[in-house]
Protein backbone atom coordinates (compact mmCIF):
# COMPACT_ATOMS: atom_id res chain seq x y z
CA MET A 1 20.78 15.70 38.30
CA ALA A 2 17.23 15.12 39.59
CA PHE A 3 18.63 12.79 42.25
CA VAL A 4 20.87 15.55 43.62
CA VAL A 5 17.94 18.01 43.70
CA ILE A 6 15.83 15.51 45.66
CA ILE A 7 18.69 14.92 48.15
CA VAL A 8 19.16 18.69 48.64
CA ILE A 9 15.43 19.21 49.20
CA LEU A 10 15.29 16.35 51.74
CA VAL A 11 18.31 17.72 53.62
CA MET A 12 16.72 21.17 53.74
CA ILE A 13 13.47 19.69 55.08
CA ILE A 14 15.38 17.80 57.79
CA ILE A 15 17.24 20.96 58.81
CA PHE A 16 14.00 22.94 58.87
CA LEU A 17 12.25 20.34 61.04
CA SER A 18 15.21 20.20 63.42
CA LEU A 19 15.23 23.97 63.81
CA LEU A 20 11.47 23.95 64.33
CA ALA A 21 11.79 21.35 67.09
CA VAL A 22 14.55 23.33 68.82
CA MET A 23 12.49 26.50 68.58
CA GLN A 24 9.46 24.79 70.16
CA ILE A 25 11.59 23.46 73.00
CA LYS A 26 12.98 26.95 73.61
CA MET A 27 9.50 28.49 73.48
CA ALA A 28 8.38 26.02 76.16
CA GLY A 29 11.05 27.52 78.42
CA MET A 30 13.43 24.58 78.35
CA GLU A 31 16.95 23.99 77.19
CA VAL A 32 17.54 21.32 74.56
CA LYS A 33 19.94 19.60 76.95
CA ASP A 34 17.23 19.44 79.64
CA PHE A 35 14.72 18.03 77.15
CA TRP A 36 17.21 15.38 76.02
CA SER A 37 17.95 14.40 79.63
CA PHE A 38 14.17 14.16 80.20
CA ILE A 39 13.85 11.73 77.29
CA LYS A 40 16.66 9.59 78.72
CA ALA A 41 15.15 9.82 82.21
CA ASN A 42 11.78 8.72 80.87
CA GLU A 43 13.38 5.52 79.59
CA THR A 44 15.03 5.01 82.96
CA LEU A 45 11.71 5.68 84.72
CA ASN A 46 10.08 2.85 82.79
CA LYS A 47 12.91 0.48 83.73
CA LEU A 48 12.82 1.49 87.40
CA TYR A 49 9.05 1.12 87.47
CA ALA A 50 9.24 -2.41 86.10
CA PHE A 51 12.03 -3.19 88.53
CA SER A 52 10.12 -1.83 91.53
CA LEU A 53 7.09 -3.95 90.70
CA ARG A 54 9.10 -7.17 90.53
CA TYR A 55 11.29 -6.85 93.60
CA GLU A 56 10.16 -6.34 97.16
CA LYS A 57 13.48 -6.86 98.91
CA LEU A 58 16.63 -5.40 97.40
CA THR A 59 20.22 -6.10 98.32
CA PRO A 60 22.24 -3.12 99.58
CA GLN A 61 23.98 -2.86 96.18
CA GLN A 62 20.65 -2.87 94.36
CA GLN A 63 19.36 -0.23 96.74
CA VAL A 64 22.30 2.06 96.03
CA LEU A 65 21.85 1.62 92.28
CA PHE A 66 18.12 2.22 92.54
CA LEU A 67 18.63 5.39 94.59
CA LYS A 68 21.25 6.72 92.17
CA GLU A 69 19.09 6.10 89.11
CA ALA A 70 16.01 7.51 90.83
CA ASP A 71 17.90 10.70 91.76
CA GLU A 72 18.84 11.21 88.12
CA VAL A 73 15.23 10.67 87.03
CA PHE A 74 13.88 13.10 89.63
CA GLU A 75 16.42 15.76 88.62
CA ALA A 76 15.54 15.48 84.93
CA PHE A 77 11.79 15.56 85.61
CA ARG A 78 12.16 18.71 87.74
CA LYS A 79 13.64 20.61 84.79
CA VAL A 80 10.69 20.16 82.42
CA PRO A 81 7.08 21.37 82.67
CA ASP A 82 4.67 19.02 84.44
CA ALA A 83 2.43 18.86 81.37
CA LEU A 84 5.10 16.81 79.55
CA TRP A 85 5.01 13.96 82.01
CA GLU A 86 1.52 13.92 83.48
CA GLU A 87 0.85 10.57 81.77
CA ASP A 88 3.82 9.09 83.67
CA TYR A 89 2.72 10.55 87.01
CA GLU A 90 1.68 7.19 88.49
CA LYS A 91 5.01 5.62 87.59
CA TYR A 92 6.84 8.62 89.00
CA MET A 93 4.94 8.38 92.28
CA GLU A 94 5.54 4.63 92.52
CA ILE A 95 9.28 5.19 92.08
CA LEU A 96 9.19 8.06 94.59
CA ASN A 97 7.44 5.87 97.18
CA LYS A 98 9.95 3.06 96.67
CA TYR A 99 12.76 5.63 96.89
CA LYS A 100 11.41 6.92 100.21
CA ASP A 101 11.03 3.38 101.57
CA ILE A 102 14.62 2.52 100.68
CA ARG A 103 15.94 5.78 102.16
CA ILE A 104 14.05 5.15 105.43
CA THR A 105 15.23 1.53 105.58
CA ARG A 106 18.84 2.54 105.00
CA TRP A 107 18.56 5.36 107.53
CA GLU A 108 17.11 3.03 110.19
CA SER A 109 19.84 0.46 109.63
CA LYS A 110 22.60 3.00 110.26
């Protein structure tokens, strides 16, 4: 019987914490979906940043993939307040610069 009471209390705490997190996201002026896409985009940003540091020349296929992934990251970052990602600003700018370089290179080649 005590085991069931402990399980019920833990489930109620988890539900309460989940609702609290959703409420804080809403109070910050965001949608939960936008916040979730920001979390995913942050992971992608880290991968793109590491990729951009390692490779100077990209094949056309790699350029297309990089541009597609970078577009998704930029879109997700636009939907959340700047205060959430100011620690990743340098990475964001590095990706943006690489993005611009690739776009210019592709534009010049056409």
